[in-house]
Amino acid sequence: MNSRLPALIPVLALTLVSLQIAACGVSAPVSTRSRQQAATPSGQWQIEPTGQLGQVQAASCPTTKFCIVIDRSGFVVSKDGGLTWGRGLFAASPKKFIGSSVSCPSSAKCVVAGVGGPSLQPTVAVSTDAAGTWRIQQLDGGAGSALNAVACPTESFCVTAGSAYDAQLHTVIYVSRDGGSGWGKATVGEEVDVSGIACASDRNCMAVGYAIRNATNGPPAIVRTDDGGHRWTSKLVDNPPALDNLTCATNGRCLSVGLSTRNIVTAEPVIFVQDDATHSFTRNLVPLGVAWLNDVSCGTPLFCVAVGYASGYAGTAENATRIPAIVTSNDGGKTWRREGIPSNVSEVITVACQATLRCIAGAVTNPFGYVVLSRTP
């Protein structure tokens, strides 16, 4: 589940100690070392040599060569297909900006959404030189709110949203039509805490999250636009009880991850598939021993990957960890299968697939902490 906002605010008080790096740039590449192969017959998922990471937030891979992974300390980037990774910062001070989501429409252009400044305002960081330098912009939004999701289907068009709202408590969605230099505001007719956003084109975008009722999370909500972000409409969803993230392919097919019931004891994760903008979501259960799905990404309209964790725990009672799970589909979300991952991975947080069958995922290993996994077909 994307519960990034509550954890953002206390982190802003921390000071980066371990990063010996110049601000707003990328350090020398981390030395290439052998990747740790998965202890399974498939051997498809392996640990990338990124070096030490902070808490992984999101990833984007616009090409087979260029991938960026953001964490609470900054980012790591590879420009050679994962052979080497360089560490970078968005700003000289961690108080200025912390990213939650990233979208790169090309290897040159990346937009990161998050929170920054002393008043904790919605903030974006934009790079036009392959993550070499970043321009940070605080957007006009309520203090104490953040941007949780961003999508850039083209180099010129981007949308971002999160917990920002206007004086009437209507959700604010920020839209850029010039590649992130300027941002306009559009409002939704109610207050929705947006956790995921995706675009099939520069006209059709969709967001998922929760309607706010009496200052708490209410029913799930779907927000959409079909006119390039000028007008947004919202719809509450009685079932499922949760919609956490989504992905949209260029043909209009969108997938979202959630839960099947409100009973957490009997709930199974569910993938909601929408074939195109004129149809509603259809509901497909994903049993396979999986308990929860955090994120989903499609490399093609038919090849998709969802990540989360399985039912039950591994280890001793004193040192129990969730069993991580990665499921893949080759038919656009209708059927799914589990894939093997390295045995020391204890949690998979986020996933990003390119326009191929290669994907990367943010994960946690025991005892090494946050890592990047990659999937090679």
Protein backbone atom coordinates (compact mmCIF):
# COMPACT_ATOMS: atom_id res chain seq x y z
CA MET A 1 0.00 0.00 0.00
CA ASN A 2 1.20 3.50 -0.75
CA SER A 3 1.31 5.02 2.72
CA ARG A 4 4.06 7.43 1.90
CA LEU A 5 2.68 10.70 3.20
CA PRO A 6 2.59 9.96 6.95
CA ALA A 7 6.18 8.82 6.89
CA LEU A 8 7.46 11.82 4.93
CA ILE A 9 7.17 14.53 7.56
CA PRO A 10 9.39 13.14 10.35
CA VAL A 11 12.03 12.20 7.82
CA LEU A 12 12.50 15.83 6.84
CA ALA A 13 14.17 16.49 10.18
CA LEU A 14 16.90 13.96 9.55
CA THR A 15 20.34 14.87 8.28
CA LEU A 16 22.10 12.91 5.59
CA VAL A 17 25.34 11.60 7.03
CA SER A 18 26.49 8.82 4.77
CA LEU A 19 26.23 10.49 1.36
CA GLN A 20 29.61 11.87 0.33
CA ILE A 21 28.32 13.53 -2.81
CA ALA A 22 27.95 16.90 -4.48
CA ALA A 23 24.43 18.28 -4.38
CA CYS A 24 22.06 18.19 -7.36
CA GLY A 25 24.17 15.79 -9.39
CA VAL A 26 25.24 12.20 -9.81
CA SER A 27 28.29 10.67 -8.19
CA ALA A 28 30.80 8.36 -9.79
CA PRO A 29 29.20 5.02 -10.71
CA VAL A 30 29.07 2.30 -8.10
CA SER A 31 31.59 -0.37 -9.01
CA THR A 32 30.08 -3.20 -10.99
CA ARG A 33 29.94 -6.50 -9.13
CA SER A 34 28.30 -9.81 -9.75
CA ARG A 35 24.55 -9.68 -9.32
CA GLN A 36 23.04 -12.07 -6.82
CA GLN A 37 20.94 -14.58 -8.72
CA ALA A 38 17.60 -15.83 -7.48
CA ALA A 39 17.76 -19.23 -5.80
CA THR A 40 15.05 -20.58 -8.08
CA PRO A 41 15.00 -22.50 -11.38
CA SER A 42 13.85 -19.41 -13.32
CA GLY A 43 16.62 -17.11 -12.08
CA GLN A 44 14.72 -14.16 -13.56
CA TRP A 45 15.02 -11.71 -10.66
CA GLN A 46 18.44 -10.59 -9.45
CA ILE A 47 19.85 -7.95 -7.10
CA GLU A 48 21.39 -4.94 -8.82
CA PRO A 49 24.77 -3.51 -7.69
CA THR A 50 23.42 -0.12 -6.61
CA GLY A 51 25.22 0.20 -3.29
CA GLN A 52 23.47 1.30 -0.09
CA LEU A 53 19.95 2.70 -0.51
CA GLY A 54 17.60 4.56 1.78
CA GLN A 55 13.91 3.71 1.92
CA VAL A 56 12.98 2.97 -1.71
CA GLN A 57 9.98 4.93 -2.99
CA ALA A 58 9.56 4.46 -6.74
CA ALA A 59 11.30 3.69 -10.02
CA SER A 60 11.07 4.54 -13.71
CA CYS A 61 12.74 2.97 -16.75
CA PRO A 62 11.90 4.73 -20.03
CA THR A 63 14.43 2.66 -22.03
CA THR A 64 16.31 -0.61 -21.68
CA LYS A 65 19.43 1.35 -20.73
CA PHE A 66 18.15 4.14 -18.46
CA CYS A 67 16.58 3.44 -15.04
CA ILE A 68 16.20 5.65 -11.99
CA VAL A 69 15.18 4.59 -8.48
CA ILE A 70 14.33 7.23 -5.88
CA ASP A 71 14.63 6.80 -2.12
CA ARG A 72 14.36 9.05 0.93
CA SER A 73 17.98 10.12 0.48
CA GLY A 74 17.93 10.98 -3.22
CA PHE A 75 18.24 8.58 -6.12
CA VAL A 76 20.36 6.03 -7.95
CA VAL A 77 20.51 5.97 -11.74
CA SER A 78 21.86 3.59 -14.36
CA LYS A 79 22.48 4.60 -17.97
CA ASP A 80 23.99 1.32 -19.19
CA GLY A 81 21.28 -1.23 -18.54
CA GLY A 82 22.18 -1.79 -14.88
CA LEU A 83 25.89 -2.53 -15.31
CA THR A 84 26.74 0.48 -13.14
CA TRP A 85 24.71 2.77 -10.90
CA GLY A 86 25.46 6.33 -9.75
CA ARG A 87 24.17 7.97 -6.57
CA GLY A 88 22.71 11.49 -6.67
CA LEU A 89 20.80 14.11 -4.70
CA PHE A 90 17.92 16.32 -5.74
CA ALA A 91 19.04 19.22 -3.54
CA ALA A 92 21.85 20.23 -1.20
CA SER A 93 19.58 19.93 1.84
CA PRO A 94 17.27 16.95 2.49
CA LYS A 95 14.80 19.42 4.04
CA LYS A 96 14.28 21.03 0.64
CA PHE A 97 12.81 18.03 -1.17
CA ILE A 98 11.97 14.34 -0.64
CA GLY A 99 10.50 12.44 -3.56
CA SER A 100 7.66 9.91 -3.49
CA SER A 101 7.05 9.12 -7.15
CA VAL A 102 8.96 9.41 -10.43
CA SER A 103 8.03 9.35 -14.11
CA CYS A 104 10.52 9.54 -16.99
CA PRO A 105 8.98 9.84 -20.46
CA SER A 106 12.50 9.62 -21.94
CA SER A 107 16.07 9.04 -20.80
CA ALA A 108 16.60 12.82 -20.78
CA LYS A 109 13.42 13.98 -19.01
CA CYS A 110 12.41 12.88 -15.49
CA VAL A 111 9.86 14.39 -13.11
CA VAL A 112 9.82 13.50 -9.41
CA ALA A 113 6.89 14.41 -7.15
CA GLY A 114 7.05 14.75 -3.38
CA VAL A 115 7.19 17.32 -0.59
CA GLY A 116 9.62 20.07 0.30
CA GLY A 117 10.35 23.36 1.98
CA PRO A 118 9.93 24.45 5.60
CA SER A 119 6.13 24.49 5.29
CA LEU A 120 6.00 21.00 3.70
CA GLN A 121 4.35 21.97 0.44
CA PRO A 122 3.69 19.89 -2.68
CA THR A 123 6.95 19.98 -4.63
CA VAL A 124 8.36 18.65 -7.90
CA ALA A 125 11.91 18.13 -9.15
CA VAL A 126 12.50 18.18 -12.92
CA SER A 127 15.58 17.07 -14.84
CA THR A 128 16.12 17.56 -18.56
CA ASP A 129 19.66 16.15 -18.70
CA ALA A 130 19.29 12.50 -17.69
CA ALA A 131 19.27 13.12 -13.92
CA GLY A 132 22.41 15.27 -14.07
CA THR A 133 20.83 18.39 -12.54
CA TRP A 134 17.42 19.10 -11.03
CA ARG A 135 15.14 22.15 -10.84
CA ILE A 136 12.98 22.07 -7.71
CA GLN A 137 9.63 23.87 -7.64
CA GLN A 138 7.27 24.31 -4.70
CA LEU A 139 3.70 24.34 -5.95
CA ASP A 140 0.87 26.42 -4.57
CA GLY A 141 -0.78 23.95 -2.22
CA GLY A 142 -1.77 23.50 1.39
CA ALA A 143 0.99 23.34 3.98
CA GLY A 144 1.59 19.86 5.30
CA SER A 145 0.46 18.16 2.09
CA ALA A 146 2.49 16.16 -0.41
CA LEU A 147 2.44 14.76 -3.92
CA ASN A 148 2.21 10.97 -3.89
CA ALA A 149 2.02 10.20 -7.61
CA VAL A 150 3.17 11.56 -10.98
CA ALA A 151 2.70 10.46 -14.59
CA CYS A 152 4.29 11.89 -17.75
CA PRO A 153 3.02 10.08 -20.86
CA THR A 154 5.01 12.51 -23.06
CA GLU A 155 7.97 14.85 -22.54
CA SER A 156 5.66 17.87 -22.48
CA PHE A 157 2.60 16.59 -20.55
CA CYS A 158 2.67 15.60 -16.85
CA VAL A 159 0.10 15.27 -14.06
CA THR A 160 0.71 14.92 -10.34
CA ALA A 161 -1.46 14.70 -7.23
CA GLY A 162 -1.50 13.55 -3.62
CA SER A 163 -2.99 15.07 -0.49
CA ALA A 164 -3.06 18.71 -1.70
CA TYR A 165 -6.44 20.46 -1.56
CA ASP A 166 -7.89 23.94 -1.95
CA ALA A 167 -9.85 26.12 0.49
CA GLN A 168 -13.07 24.23 -0.33
CA LEU A 169 -11.38 20.90 0.52
CA HIS A 170 -11.38 19.85 -3.12
CA THR A 171 -8.47 17.77 -4.30
CA VAL A 172 -5.94 19.66 -6.44
CA ILE A 173 -4.34 17.96 -9.42
CA TYR A 174 -1.38 19.77 -10.97
CA VAL A 175 -0.95 19.68 -14.75
CA SER A 176 2.06 20.72 -16.81
CA ARG A 177 1.91 21.10 -20.58
CA ASP A 178 5.45 22.42 -21.05
CA GLY A 179 7.55 19.60 -19.66
CA GLY A 180 7.38 20.61 -16.01
CA SER A 181 8.43 24.28 -16.28
CA GLY A 182 4.98 25.55 -15.37
CA TRP A 183 2.14 23.88 -13.50
CA GLY A 184 -1.56 24.70 -13.55
CA LYS A 185 -4.16 23.54 -11.04
CA ALA A 186 -7.33 21.58 -11.65
CA THR A 187 -9.73 20.58 -8.91
CA VAL A 188 -11.82 17.50 -8.24
CA GLY A 189 -15.30 17.92 -6.80
CA GLU A 190 -14.37 16.37 -3.45
CA GLU A 191 -11.41 15.61 -1.23
CA VAL A 192 -9.50 12.52 -2.37
CA ASP A 193 -6.12 11.41 -1.08
CA VAL A 194 -4.52 10.23 -4.33
CA SER A 195 -2.13 7.27 -4.06
CA GLY A 196 -1.58 6.43 -7.73
CA ILE A 197 -1.91 8.14 -11.12
CA ALA A 198 -1.31 6.92 -14.68
CA CYS A 199 -1.95 8.12 -18.23
CA ALA A 200 -2.64 6.19 -21.42
CA SER A 201 -2.01 9.39 -23.41
CA ASP A 202 -1.75 13.15 -22.92
CA ARG A 203 -5.56 13.30 -22.91
CA ASN A 204 -6.60 10.26 -20.88
CA CYS A 205 -5.39 9.93 -17.29
CA MET A 206 -6.72 8.19 -14.21
CA ALA A 207 -5.95 8.38 -10.48
CA VAL A 208 -6.93 6.17 -7.55
CA GLY A 209 -7.03 6.87 -3.84
CA TYR A 210 -9.41 7.36 -0.93
CA ALA A 211 -12.19 9.84 -0.39
CA ILE A 212 -11.70 11.75 2.88
CA ARG A 213 -14.62 11.51 5.27
CA ASN A 214 -14.48 13.22 8.68
CA ALA A 215 -10.70 13.62 8.37
CA THR A 216 -10.20 9.87 7.82
CA ASN A 217 -9.96 7.57 4.80
CA GLY A 218 -13.36 6.80 3.34
CA PRO A 219 -14.27 4.59 0.37
CA PRO A 220 -11.89 4.19 -2.56
CA ALA A 221 -12.22 6.72 -5.36
CA ILE A 222 -11.34 6.83 -9.05
CA VAL A 223 -10.56 10.20 -10.63
CA ARG A 224 -10.27 10.60 -14.39
CA THR A 225 -9.85 13.08 -17.24
CA ASP A 226 -10.36 12.65 -20.97
CA ASP A 227 -9.56 16.20 -22.09
CA GLY A 228 -5.90 16.53 -21.18
CA GLY A 229 -6.37 17.43 -17.53
CA HIS A 230 -8.70 20.43 -17.87
CA ARG A 231 -11.65 18.70 -16.22
CA TRP A 232 -11.51 15.85 -13.72
CA THR A 233 -14.42 13.75 -12.47
CA SER A 234 -14.48 11.42 -9.48
CA LYS A 235 -16.39 8.25 -8.70
CA LEU A 236 -16.58 6.42 -5.38
CA VAL A 237 -16.15 2.64 -5.43
CA ASP A 238 -18.05 0.55 -2.86
CA ASN A 239 -16.14 -2.63 -3.67
CA PRO A 240 -13.18 -3.14 -3.30
CA PRO A 241 -12.20 -1.65 0.06
CA ALA A 242 -8.79 -0.60 -1.29
CA LEU A 243 -7.27 0.70 -4.53
CA ASP A 244 -3.57 1.36 -4.02
CA ASN A 245 -1.87 1.97 -7.34
CA LEU A 246 -2.42 1.65 -11.06
CA THR A 247 -0.77 1.53 -14.47
CA CYS A 248 -2.08 2.36 -17.94
CA ALA A 249 -0.78 1.20 -21.31
CA THR A 250 -0.85 3.27 -24.47
CA ASN A 251 -3.82 1.32 -25.86
CA GLY A 252 -5.98 2.48 -22.93
CA ARG A 253 -5.80 -0.72 -20.89
CA CYS A 254 -5.40 0.15 -17.18
CA LEU A 255 -4.80 -2.10 -14.17
CA SER A 256 -5.16 -1.28 -10.49
CA VAL A 257 -4.31 -3.36 -7.41
CA GLY A 258 -6.53 -3.69 -4.35
CA LEU A 259 -8.24 -6.05 -1.93
CA SER A 260 -11.27 -8.25 -2.51
CA THR A 261 -13.17 -7.68 0.76
CA ARG A 262 -13.12 -5.57 3.90
CA ASN A 263 -12.49 -8.67 6.00
CA ILE A 264 -8.70 -8.74 6.31
CA VAL A 265 -8.80 -12.37 7.43
CA THR A 266 -10.48 -13.65 4.27
CA ALA A 267 -9.35 -10.97 1.80
CA GLU A 268 -7.41 -11.88 -1.29
CA PRO A 269 -5.57 -9.40 -3.49
CA VAL A 270 -7.40 -8.42 -6.62
CA ILE A 271 -6.36 -6.86 -9.91
CA PHE A 272 -8.88 -4.55 -11.53
CA VAL A 273 -8.58 -4.48 -15.32
CA GLN A 274 -10.08 -1.85 -17.60
CA ASP A 275 -9.74 -2.66 -21.28
CA ASP A 276 -10.22 0.95 -22.38
CA ALA A 277 -11.65 4.28 -21.27
CA THR A 278 -15.22 3.39 -22.25
CA HIS A 279 -15.44 0.28 -20.06
CA SER A 280 -15.57 -0.18 -16.30
CA PHE A 281 -13.00 -2.16 -14.33
CA THR A 282 -13.43 -5.92 -14.19
CA ARG A 283 -12.35 -7.76 -11.07
CA ASN A 284 -9.82 -10.61 -11.16
CA LEU A 285 -8.75 -12.38 -7.98
CA VAL A 286 -5.08 -13.27 -7.58
CA PRO A 287 -4.95 -16.07 -4.98
CA LEU A 288 -1.62 -17.92 -5.47
CA GLY A 289 -1.03 -17.59 -1.72
CA VAL A 290 -0.66 -13.81 -2.07
CA ALA A 291 -1.98 -11.59 0.72
CA TRP A 292 -1.40 -8.01 -0.50
CA LEU A 293 -0.21 -6.22 -3.65
CA ASN A 294 1.52 -2.84 -3.35
CA ASP A 295 2.21 -1.85 -6.93
CA VAL A 296 1.64 -2.86 -10.55
CA SER A 297 3.33 -1.98 -13.84
CA CYS A 298 2.92 -3.08 -17.45
CA GLY A 299 5.80 -3.24 -19.90
CA THR A 300 3.35 -3.87 -22.75
CA PRO A 301 -0.46 -3.90 -22.88
CA LEU A 302 -0.31 -7.65 -22.17
CA PHE A 303 2.81 -8.15 -20.00
CA CYS A 304 2.31 -6.85 -16.43
CA VAL A 305 3.96 -7.34 -13.03
CA ALA A 306 2.46 -6.82 -9.57
CA VAL A 307 4.41 -6.94 -6.30
CA GLY A 308 3.53 -7.39 -2.64
CA TYR A 309 3.75 -10.15 -0.08
CA ALA A 310 2.35 -13.61 0.45
CA SER A 311 0.19 -15.03 3.20
CA GLY A 312 2.06 -16.00 6.34
CA TYR A 313 5.52 -15.28 7.69
CA ALA A 314 8.98 -16.80 7.43
CA GLY A 315 11.62 -17.17 10.14
CA THR A 316 11.35 -17.66 13.88
CA ALA A 317 8.68 -16.11 16.07
CA GLU A 318 11.23 -13.58 17.33
CA ASN A 319 12.48 -12.71 13.84
CA ALA A 320 9.51 -13.28 11.55
CA THR A 321 9.38 -11.54 8.17
CA ARG A 322 6.68 -11.35 5.52
CA ILE A 323 7.10 -13.61 2.54
CA PRO A 324 7.53 -11.39 -0.54
CA ALA A 325 5.61 -12.07 -3.72
CA ILE A 326 5.95 -11.10 -7.38
CA VAL A 327 3.25 -12.13 -9.85
CA THR A 328 3.31 -11.70 -13.63
CA SER A 329 0.67 -11.80 -16.35
CA ASN A 330 1.09 -12.35 -20.09
CA ASP A 331 -2.56 -11.73 -21.00
CA GLY A 332 -3.20 -8.22 -19.71
CA GLY A 333 -4.14 -9.18 -16.16
CA LYS A 334 -6.57 -12.02 -16.74
CA THR A 335 -4.30 -14.75 -15.34
CA TRP A 336 -1.23 -14.55 -13.11
CA ARG A 337 1.65 -16.71 -11.90
CA ARG A 338 4.18 -16.41 -9.09
CA GLU A 339 7.84 -15.83 -9.96
CA GLY A 340 10.90 -16.80 -7.98
CA ILE A 341 13.03 -14.08 -6.34
CA PRO A 342 16.29 -14.10 -4.34
CA SER A 343 15.90 -16.03 -1.09
CA ASN A 344 17.11 -13.17 1.13
CA VAL A 345 14.45 -10.70 -0.09
CA SER A 346 11.96 -10.01 2.69
CA GLU A 347 9.68 -7.42 1.01
CA VAL A 348 9.00 -6.02 -2.47
CA ILE A 349 7.78 -2.42 -2.48
CA THR A 350 7.51 -1.02 -5.98
CA VAL A 351 7.93 -2.12 -9.60
CA ALA A 352 8.57 -0.43 -12.96
CA CYS A 353 8.56 -2.15 -16.36
CA GLN A 354 9.86 -0.80 -19.65
CA ALA A 355 8.27 -1.29 -23.04
CA THR A 356 9.81 -4.76 -22.99
CA LEU A 357 9.72 -7.72 -20.63
CA ARG A 358 12.51 -6.25 -18.44
CA CYS A 359 11.46 -4.73 -15.11
CA ILE A 360 13.06 -3.42 -11.94
CA ALA A 361 11.65 -3.50 -8.41
CA GLY A 362 12.47 -1.86 -5.10
CA ALA A 363 12.86 -4.44 -2.33
CA VAL A 364 14.18 -5.12 1.17
CA THR A 365 16.70 -7.83 1.97
CA ASN A 366 17.64 -9.37 5.28
CA PRO A 367 20.08 -8.22 6.60
CA PHE A 368 21.30 -5.73 3.96
CA GLY A 369 18.35 -3.34 3.70
CA TYR A 370 16.92 -1.73 0.56
CA VAL A 371 17.98 -3.02 -2.85
CA VAL A 372 16.93 -2.93 -6.51
CA LEU A 373 15.84 -6.14 -8.22
CA SER A 374 15.86 -6.56 -11.98
CA ARG A 375 14.01 -9.00 -14.18
CA THR A 376 15.72 -10.21 -17.32
CA PRO A 377 13.56 -12.14 -19.79
